[in-house]
Amino acid sequence: MLIIDGLDECSDSRNQQRIILSQAMKQYPLPFTHLLITSRPEPRIKEAFNNPKLDVMCYRLSLTSDYQVSQDIRNFVRDRCTEILERHSGTMEAITRPWPTFNQIEEIVQKSSNHFIYASTVLKYIDDDSTVPADRLNIVLGLSPLADDIDESPF
């Protein structure tokens, strides 16, 4: 199986179509039996998948408006914060529980705008071995200024 994740992020929309249609036209025989493509429904990608030759070989699953990505991001943030709290138990012992608060998690979810990459980047920033995760979370949420001794911005 080959997985192509984020086809819509390919810089040239014509290449997006070529990848999809090459499988349909069998111009380039591939040494695997299954191909999984994930993408936002960009116009050229939708157009390519409307090719009749793909109907016999494709199964499409559209994550429509009833898909609640914010709940998945919320669960991801909550789970990762639990791991971070456990990993940093020594530096986090003076931090008031629960950490993070419900409102802090909700703020990360809202700022994510349904994109996991934002939440993932924030959590990587927070989970730095040489800092206190609660302090870094406060920086991300704008509750504390970026300290002079911190070399990198969360963004």
N, C-alpha and C. Protein backbone atom coordinates (compact mmCIF):
# COMPACT_ATOMS: atom_id res chain seq x y z
N MET A 1 0.84 -1.17 0.00
CA MET A 1 0.00 0.00 0.00
C MET A 1 0.89 1.24 0.00
N LEU A 2 0.49 2.22 -0.78
CA LEU A 2 1.15 3.52 -0.83
C LEU A 2 0.16 4.55 -0.30
N ILE A 3 0.64 5.44 0.57
CA ILE A 3 -0.21 6.50 1.12
C ILE A 3 0.34 7.84 0.66
N ILE A 4 -0.51 8.63 0.05
CA ILE A 4 -0.17 9.99 -0.33
C ILE A 4 -1.04 10.90 0.52
N ASP A 5 -0.42 11.57 1.46
CA ASP A 5 -1.15 12.42 2.39
C ASP A 5 -0.99 13.88 1.99
N GLY A 6 -2.08 14.60 1.91
CA GLY A 6 -2.01 16.03 1.62
C GLY A 6 -1.75 16.32 0.15
N LEU A 7 -2.38 15.59 -0.74
CA LEU A 7 -2.17 15.82 -2.17
C LEU A 7 -2.44 17.27 -2.54
N ASP A 8 -3.38 17.90 -1.85
CA ASP A 8 -3.71 19.30 -2.14
C ASP A 8 -2.55 20.25 -1.85
N GLU A 9 -1.55 19.79 -1.12
CA GLU A 9 -0.41 20.64 -0.80
C GLU A 9 0.68 20.57 -1.86
N CYS A 10 0.49 19.75 -2.87
CA CYS A 10 1.40 19.69 -4.00
C CYS A 10 1.38 21.07 -4.67
N SER A 11 2.55 21.62 -4.97
CA SER A 11 2.63 23.01 -5.43
C SER A 11 1.99 23.25 -6.79
N ASP A 12 1.92 22.25 -7.61
CA ASP A 12 1.37 22.42 -8.96
C ASP A 12 0.10 21.58 -9.09
N SER A 13 -1.01 22.24 -9.32
CA SER A 13 -2.28 21.52 -9.38
C SER A 13 -2.33 20.52 -10.54
N ARG A 14 -1.58 20.77 -11.58
CA ARG A 14 -1.54 19.80 -12.68
C ARG A 14 -0.84 18.50 -12.24
N ASN A 15 0.15 18.62 -11.37
CA ASN A 15 0.81 17.42 -10.84
C ASN A 15 -0.15 16.63 -9.96
N GLN A 16 -1.04 17.32 -9.27
CA GLN A 16 -2.05 16.63 -8.47
C GLN A 16 -2.88 15.72 -9.38
N GLN A 17 -3.32 16.27 -10.49
CA GLN A 17 -4.12 15.49 -11.43
C GLN A 17 -3.30 14.36 -12.04
N ARG A 18 -2.06 14.62 -12.35
CA ARG A 18 -1.21 13.57 -12.95
C ARG A 18 -1.07 12.38 -12.02
N ILE A 19 -0.90 12.64 -10.74
CA ILE A 19 -0.75 11.55 -9.77
C ILE A 19 -2.01 10.70 -9.75
N ILE A 20 -3.15 11.35 -9.72
CA ILE A 20 -4.42 10.61 -9.68
C ILE A 20 -4.67 9.87 -10.98
N LEU A 21 -4.52 10.57 -12.08
CA LEU A 21 -4.85 9.97 -13.37
C LEU A 21 -3.84 8.93 -13.82
N SER A 22 -2.59 9.02 -13.39
CA SER A 22 -1.62 8.00 -13.80
C SER A 22 -2.04 6.64 -13.29
N GLN A 23 -2.66 6.61 -12.12
CA GLN A 23 -3.16 5.35 -11.59
C GLN A 23 -4.34 4.86 -12.43
N ALA A 24 -5.20 5.78 -12.84
CA ALA A 24 -6.37 5.40 -13.62
C ALA A 24 -5.99 4.94 -15.02
N MET A 25 -5.02 5.59 -15.61
CA MET A 25 -4.64 5.27 -16.99
C MET A 25 -3.63 4.14 -17.06
N LYS A 26 -3.07 3.78 -15.91
CA LYS A 26 -2.06 2.72 -15.84
C LYS A 26 -0.85 3.03 -16.72
N GLN A 27 -0.56 4.34 -16.88
CA GLN A 27 0.63 4.73 -17.63
C GLN A 27 1.89 4.28 -16.92
N TYR A 28 1.83 4.36 -15.63
CA TYR A 28 2.98 4.01 -14.82
C TYR A 28 2.57 2.90 -13.86
N PRO A 29 2.69 1.65 -14.27
CA PRO A 29 2.28 0.55 -13.39
C PRO A 29 3.02 0.62 -12.05
N LEU A 30 2.27 0.48 -11.00
CA LEU A 30 2.85 0.60 -9.67
C LEU A 30 2.93 -0.77 -8.99
N PRO A 31 3.97 -0.98 -8.20
CA PRO A 31 4.18 -2.30 -7.58
C PRO A 31 3.41 -2.52 -6.29
N PHE A 32 2.19 -2.03 -6.21
CA PHE A 32 1.37 -2.25 -5.03
C PHE A 32 -0.08 -2.29 -5.47
N THR A 33 -0.90 -2.82 -4.60
CA THR A 33 -2.30 -3.02 -4.99
C THR A 33 -3.24 -1.96 -4.46
N HIS A 34 -2.81 -1.21 -3.46
CA HIS A 34 -3.69 -0.20 -2.87
C HIS A 34 -2.99 1.14 -2.80
N LEU A 35 -3.75 2.19 -3.06
CA LEU A 35 -3.27 3.55 -2.98
C LEU A 35 -4.28 4.35 -2.17
N LEU A 36 -3.81 4.99 -1.11
CA LEU A 36 -4.66 5.83 -0.28
C LEU A 36 -4.23 7.27 -0.49
N ILE A 37 -5.15 8.11 -0.91
CA ILE A 37 -4.86 9.53 -1.14
C ILE A 37 -5.74 10.33 -0.21
N THR A 38 -5.11 11.23 0.55
CA THR A 38 -5.87 12.15 1.40
C THR A 38 -5.64 13.55 0.88
N SER A 39 -6.71 14.35 0.92
CA SER A 39 -6.62 15.69 0.38
C SER A 39 -7.85 16.49 0.72
N ARG A 40 -7.68 17.80 0.69
CA ARG A 40 -8.85 18.66 0.70
C ARG A 40 -9.45 18.60 -0.70
N PRO A 41 -10.73 18.88 -0.84
CA PRO A 41 -11.36 18.77 -2.16
C PRO A 41 -11.09 19.98 -3.06
N GLU A 42 -9.83 20.15 -3.45
CA GLU A 42 -9.47 21.25 -4.36
C GLU A 42 -10.10 20.99 -5.73
N PRO A 43 -10.40 22.05 -6.49
CA PRO A 43 -11.10 21.88 -7.77
C PRO A 43 -10.42 20.89 -8.73
N ARG A 44 -9.12 20.98 -8.94
CA ARG A 44 -8.45 20.07 -9.87
C ARG A 44 -8.48 18.62 -9.37
N ILE A 45 -8.40 18.45 -8.07
CA ILE A 45 -8.43 17.10 -7.51
C ILE A 45 -9.84 16.51 -7.69
N LYS A 46 -10.85 17.30 -7.39
CA LYS A 46 -12.22 16.83 -7.60
C LYS A 46 -12.46 16.49 -9.07
N GLU A 47 -11.94 17.35 -9.94
CA GLU A 47 -12.08 17.12 -11.37
C GLU A 47 -11.42 15.81 -11.80
N ALA A 48 -10.23 15.56 -11.28
CA ALA A 48 -9.52 14.32 -11.62
C ALA A 48 -10.27 13.09 -11.14
N PHE A 49 -10.84 13.16 -9.95
CA PHE A 49 -11.57 12.01 -9.42
C PHE A 49 -12.92 11.80 -10.11
N ASN A 50 -13.37 12.77 -10.87
CA ASN A 50 -14.60 12.60 -11.63
C ASN A 50 -14.37 11.85 -12.94
N ASN A 51 -13.16 11.43 -13.19
CA ASN A 51 -12.85 10.66 -14.39
C ASN A 51 -13.55 9.30 -14.30
N PRO A 52 -14.30 8.92 -15.34
CA PRO A 52 -15.04 7.64 -15.29
C PRO A 52 -14.15 6.42 -15.10
N LYS A 53 -12.90 6.49 -15.52
CA LYS A 53 -12.01 5.33 -15.37
C LYS A 53 -11.69 5.06 -13.89
N LEU A 54 -11.84 6.08 -13.06
CA LEU A 54 -11.57 5.90 -11.64
C LEU A 54 -12.75 5.26 -10.90
N ASP A 55 -13.94 5.37 -11.44
CA ASP A 55 -15.12 4.83 -10.76
C ASP A 55 -15.00 3.34 -10.45
N VAL A 56 -14.39 2.59 -11.35
CA VAL A 56 -14.30 1.15 -11.15
C VAL A 56 -13.19 0.75 -10.19
N MET A 57 -12.30 1.67 -9.90
CA MET A 57 -11.16 1.30 -9.06
C MET A 57 -11.02 2.12 -7.78
N CYS A 58 -11.93 3.06 -7.55
CA CYS A 58 -11.80 3.94 -6.39
C CYS A 58 -12.97 3.80 -5.42
N TYR A 59 -12.65 3.99 -4.18
CA TYR A 59 -13.65 4.16 -3.15
C TYR A 59 -13.39 5.53 -2.55
N ARG A 60 -14.37 6.38 -2.55
CA ARG A 60 -14.21 7.74 -2.03
C ARG A 60 -14.92 7.88 -0.70
N LEU A 61 -14.26 8.53 0.21
CA LEU A 61 -14.85 8.83 1.50
C LEU A 61 -14.69 10.33 1.72
N SER A 62 -15.78 11.02 1.71
CA SER A 62 -15.75 12.46 1.89
C SER A 62 -16.03 12.79 3.35
N LEU A 63 -15.15 13.55 3.92
CA LEU A 63 -15.38 14.01 5.29
C LEU A 63 -16.10 15.35 5.18
N THR A 64 -17.40 15.29 5.18
CA THR A 64 -18.22 16.46 4.94
C THR A 64 -18.41 17.28 6.21
N SER A 65 -19.30 18.20 6.13
CA SER A 65 -19.52 19.12 7.25
C SER A 65 -19.96 18.43 8.53
N ASP A 66 -20.46 17.20 8.44
CA ASP A 66 -20.87 16.52 9.67
C ASP A 66 -19.69 15.89 10.40
N TYR A 67 -18.51 15.90 9.78
CA TYR A 67 -17.30 15.41 10.44
C TYR A 67 -16.81 16.48 11.41
N GLN A 68 -16.62 16.11 12.65
CA GLN A 68 -16.26 17.07 13.68
C GLN A 68 -14.76 17.03 13.98
N VAL A 69 -13.97 17.66 13.13
CA VAL A 69 -12.53 17.64 13.31
C VAL A 69 -12.12 18.31 14.62
N SER A 70 -12.88 19.30 15.05
CA SER A 70 -12.54 19.99 16.29
C SER A 70 -12.56 19.03 17.49
N GLN A 71 -13.45 18.06 17.48
CA GLN A 71 -13.48 17.08 18.58
C GLN A 71 -12.23 16.20 18.54
N ASP A 72 -11.79 15.82 17.35
CA ASP A 72 -10.55 15.04 17.23
C ASP A 72 -9.35 15.85 17.71
N ILE A 73 -9.30 17.13 17.36
CA ILE A 73 -8.20 17.99 17.82
C ILE A 73 -8.26 18.14 19.33
N ARG A 74 -9.45 18.32 19.86
CA ARG A 74 -9.63 18.45 21.31
C ARG A 74 -9.10 17.19 22.03
N ASN A 75 -9.46 16.01 21.53
CA ASN A 75 -8.99 14.76 22.12
C ASN A 75 -7.47 14.64 22.01
N PHE A 76 -6.93 15.02 20.86
CA PHE A 76 -5.48 14.99 20.65
C PHE A 76 -4.77 15.90 21.64
N VAL A 77 -5.25 17.14 21.79
CA VAL A 77 -4.63 18.10 22.71
C VAL A 77 -4.72 17.58 24.14
N ARG A 78 -5.88 17.10 24.53
CA ARG A 78 -6.07 16.60 25.90
C ARG A 78 -5.12 15.43 26.19
N ASP A 79 -5.05 14.47 25.26
CA ASP A 79 -4.19 13.30 25.46
C ASP A 79 -2.72 13.68 25.50
N ARG A 80 -2.30 14.54 24.58
CA ARG A 80 -0.88 14.95 24.56
C ARG A 80 -0.53 15.75 25.82
N CYS A 81 -1.44 16.58 26.29
CA CYS A 81 -1.17 17.35 27.51
C CYS A 81 -1.06 16.44 28.72
N THR A 82 -1.83 15.38 28.76
CA THR A 82 -1.70 14.39 29.84
C THR A 82 -0.31 13.76 29.79
N GLU A 83 0.15 13.40 28.61
CA GLU A 83 1.50 12.84 28.45
C GLU A 83 2.56 13.85 28.86
N ILE A 84 2.40 15.09 28.45
CA ILE A 84 3.36 16.14 28.79
C ILE A 84 3.41 16.34 30.30
N LEU A 85 2.26 16.36 30.93
CA LEU A 85 2.19 16.53 32.39
C LEU A 85 2.91 15.38 33.10
N GLU A 86 2.73 14.17 32.62
CA GLU A 86 3.42 13.01 33.21
C GLU A 86 4.92 13.09 32.99
N ARG A 87 5.32 13.46 31.77
CA ARG A 87 6.75 13.53 31.43
C ARG A 87 7.47 14.63 32.21
N HIS A 88 6.77 15.70 32.50
CA HIS A 88 7.36 16.86 33.18
C HIS A 88 6.85 16.96 34.62
N SER A 89 6.59 15.84 35.25
CA SER A 89 5.98 15.85 36.59
C SER A 89 6.81 16.64 37.60
N GLY A 90 8.11 16.61 37.48
CA GLY A 90 8.96 17.35 38.41
C GLY A 90 8.83 18.85 38.25
N THR A 91 8.91 19.33 37.02
CA THR A 91 8.84 20.78 36.79
C THR A 91 7.42 21.31 36.86
N MET A 92 6.44 20.40 36.83
CA MET A 92 5.05 20.83 36.84
C MET A 92 4.36 20.61 38.20
N GLU A 93 5.12 20.20 39.24
CA GLU A 93 4.47 19.87 40.50
C GLU A 93 3.82 21.08 41.18
N ALA A 94 4.30 22.29 40.92
CA ALA A 94 3.72 23.47 41.55
C ALA A 94 2.58 24.08 40.73
N ILE A 95 2.29 23.51 39.58
CA ILE A 95 1.26 24.05 38.69
C ILE A 95 -0.12 23.59 39.16
N THR A 96 -1.05 24.52 39.23
CA THR A 96 -2.43 24.24 39.65
C THR A 96 -3.09 23.27 38.68
N ARG A 97 -3.79 22.31 39.25
CA ARG A 97 -4.52 21.33 38.44
C ARG A 97 -5.98 21.75 38.35
N PRO A 98 -6.70 21.43 37.33
CA PRO A 98 -6.24 20.67 36.18
C PRO A 98 -5.38 21.54 35.26
N TRP A 99 -4.43 20.89 34.63
CA TRP A 99 -3.59 21.54 33.63
C TRP A 99 -3.61 20.71 32.37
N PRO A 100 -3.80 21.33 31.27
CA PRO A 100 -4.33 22.68 31.08
C PRO A 100 -5.81 22.71 31.44
N THR A 101 -6.30 23.90 31.62
CA THR A 101 -7.72 24.04 31.95
C THR A 101 -8.57 23.77 30.72
N PHE A 102 -9.84 23.56 30.95
CA PHE A 102 -10.78 23.36 29.85
C PHE A 102 -10.72 24.53 28.88
N ASN A 103 -10.69 25.76 29.41
CA ASN A 103 -10.65 26.96 28.55
C ASN A 103 -9.36 27.04 27.74
N GLN A 104 -8.24 26.62 28.32
CA GLN A 104 -6.99 26.63 27.57
C GLN A 104 -7.03 25.63 26.41
N ILE A 105 -7.56 24.47 26.67
CA ILE A 105 -7.70 23.47 25.61
C ILE A 105 -8.62 24.02 24.52
N GLU A 106 -9.72 24.61 24.92
CA GLU A 106 -10.67 25.16 23.94
C GLU A 106 -10.03 26.27 23.10
N GLU A 107 -9.18 27.06 23.72
CA GLU A 107 -8.52 28.13 22.97
C GLU A 107 -7.57 27.55 21.91
N ILE A 108 -6.85 26.51 22.26
CA ILE A 108 -5.98 25.85 21.27
C ILE A 108 -6.83 25.27 20.14
N VAL A 109 -7.93 24.63 20.49
CA VAL A 109 -8.82 24.04 19.47
C VAL A 109 -9.35 25.13 18.55
N GLN A 110 -9.79 26.24 19.11
CA GLN A 110 -10.32 27.34 18.30
C GLN A 110 -9.24 27.94 17.40
N LYS A 111 -8.04 28.14 17.94
CA LYS A 111 -6.95 28.71 17.15
C LYS A 111 -6.48 27.75 16.07
N SER A 112 -6.77 26.48 16.24
CA SER A 112 -6.36 25.49 15.24
C SER A 112 -7.13 25.64 13.93
N SER A 113 -8.31 26.20 14.00
CA SER A 113 -9.14 26.38 12.80
C SER A 113 -9.27 25.08 12.00
N ASN A 114 -9.49 24.00 12.73
CA ASN A 114 -9.65 22.67 12.12
C ASN A 114 -8.40 22.13 11.43
N HIS A 115 -7.23 22.58 11.84
CA HIS A 115 -5.97 22.09 11.29
C HIS A 115 -5.12 21.49 12.40
N PHE A 116 -4.87 20.20 12.28
CA PHE A 116 -4.08 19.50 13.29
C PHE A 116 -2.67 20.08 13.40
N ILE A 117 -2.14 20.62 12.32
CA ILE A 117 -0.75 21.09 12.33
C ILE A 117 -0.55 22.19 13.37
N TYR A 118 -1.54 23.04 13.57
CA TYR A 118 -1.40 24.08 14.58
C TYR A 118 -1.29 23.46 15.97
N ALA A 119 -2.23 22.58 16.30
CA ALA A 119 -2.21 21.95 17.63
C ALA A 119 -0.93 21.15 17.82
N SER A 120 -0.51 20.43 16.80
CA SER A 120 0.72 19.64 16.89
C SER A 120 1.94 20.52 17.13
N THR A 121 2.01 21.64 16.42
CA THR A 121 3.15 22.57 16.58
C THR A 121 3.15 23.17 17.97
N VAL A 122 2.00 23.57 18.46
CA VAL A 122 1.89 24.14 19.81
C VAL A 122 2.36 23.12 20.84
N LEU A 123 1.92 21.88 20.70
CA LEU A 123 2.28 20.86 21.69
C LEU A 123 3.77 20.52 21.63
N LYS A 124 4.36 20.52 20.46
CA LYS A 124 5.81 20.31 20.36
C LYS A 124 6.56 21.44 21.06
N TYR A 125 6.09 22.65 20.88
CA TYR A 125 6.70 23.81 21.53
C TYR A 125 6.59 23.71 23.05
N ILE A 126 5.42 23.34 23.52
CA ILE A 126 5.18 23.23 24.96
C ILE A 126 6.02 22.13 25.58
N ASP A 127 6.22 21.04 24.87
CA ASP A 127 6.91 19.85 25.39
C ASP A 127 8.43 19.93 25.21
N ASP A 128 9.01 21.04 25.59
CA ASP A 128 10.45 21.21 25.49
C ASP A 128 11.09 20.76 26.81
N ASP A 129 12.15 19.95 26.74
CA ASP A 129 12.77 19.39 27.94
C ASP A 129 13.37 20.43 28.88
N SER A 130 13.75 21.59 28.35
CA SER A 130 14.46 22.56 29.19
C SER A 130 13.56 23.66 29.75
N THR A 131 12.25 23.49 29.62
CA THR A 131 11.34 24.53 30.10
C THR A 131 10.18 23.91 30.89
N VAL A 132 9.39 24.79 31.47
CA VAL A 132 8.18 24.36 32.16
C VAL A 132 7.03 24.45 31.16
N PRO A 133 6.38 23.35 30.84
CA PRO A 133 5.31 23.36 29.84
C PRO A 133 4.22 24.39 30.11
N ALA A 134 3.85 24.60 31.36
CA ALA A 134 2.80 25.58 31.69
C ALA A 134 3.23 26.98 31.28
N ASP A 135 4.51 27.30 31.44
CA ASP A 135 5.01 28.62 31.04
C ASP A 135 4.92 28.78 29.53
N ARG A 136 5.28 27.73 28.82
CA ARG A 136 5.23 27.80 27.36
C ARG A 136 3.78 27.88 26.87
N LEU A 137 2.88 27.20 27.53
CA LEU A 137 1.48 27.29 27.14
C LEU A 137 0.99 28.72 27.33
N ASN A 138 1.39 29.36 28.42
CA ASN A 138 0.99 30.75 28.65
C ASN A 138 1.53 31.68 27.57
N ILE A 139 2.73 31.40 27.07
CA ILE A 139 3.29 32.19 25.97
C ILE A 139 2.43 32.02 24.72
N VAL A 140 2.10 30.78 24.40
CA VAL A 140 1.29 30.50 23.21
C VAL A 140 -0.06 31.19 23.30
N LEU A 141 -0.66 31.17 24.47
CA LEU A 141 -1.98 31.75 24.65
C LEU A 141 -1.93 33.26 24.86
N GLY A 142 -0.74 33.82 24.84
CA GLY A 142 -0.59 35.27 24.98
C GLY A 142 -0.74 35.76 26.39
N LEU A 143 -0.65 34.85 27.38
CA LEU A 143 -0.79 35.24 28.78
C LEU A 143 0.52 35.70 29.38
N SER A 144 1.64 35.33 28.72
CA SER A 144 2.97 35.74 29.16
C SER A 144 3.75 36.19 27.94
N PRO A 145 4.61 37.19 28.10
CA PRO A 145 5.44 37.59 26.96
C PRO A 145 6.53 36.55 26.72
N LEU A 146 7.06 36.55 25.52
CA LEU A 146 8.16 35.67 25.16
C LEU A 146 9.39 36.14 25.93
N ALA A 147 9.97 35.28 26.75
CA ALA A 147 11.13 35.64 27.56
C ALA A 147 12.35 35.84 26.67
N ASP A 148 13.25 36.73 27.12
CA ASP A 148 14.47 37.02 26.35
C ASP A 148 15.37 35.80 26.20
N ASP A 149 15.34 34.90 27.18
CA ASP A 149 16.24 33.73 27.12
C ASP A 149 15.67 32.58 26.30
N ILE A 150 14.47 32.73 25.78
CA ILE A 150 13.91 31.69 24.91
C ILE A 150 14.30 32.02 23.48
N ASP A 151 15.02 31.09 22.86
CA ASP A 151 15.57 31.32 21.53
C ASP A 151 14.55 31.25 20.42
N GLU A 152 13.45 30.60 20.65
CA GLU A 152 12.51 30.40 19.55
C GLU A 152 11.12 30.85 19.91
N SER A 153 10.45 31.33 18.93
CA SER A 153 9.05 31.71 19.08
C SER A 153 8.19 30.47 18.90
N PRO A 154 7.05 30.40 19.54
CA PRO A 154 6.18 29.25 19.34
C PRO A 154 5.63 29.20 17.92
N PHE A 155 5.72 30.31 17.18
CA PHE A 155 5.14 30.34 15.85
C PHE A 155 6.22 30.49 14.80
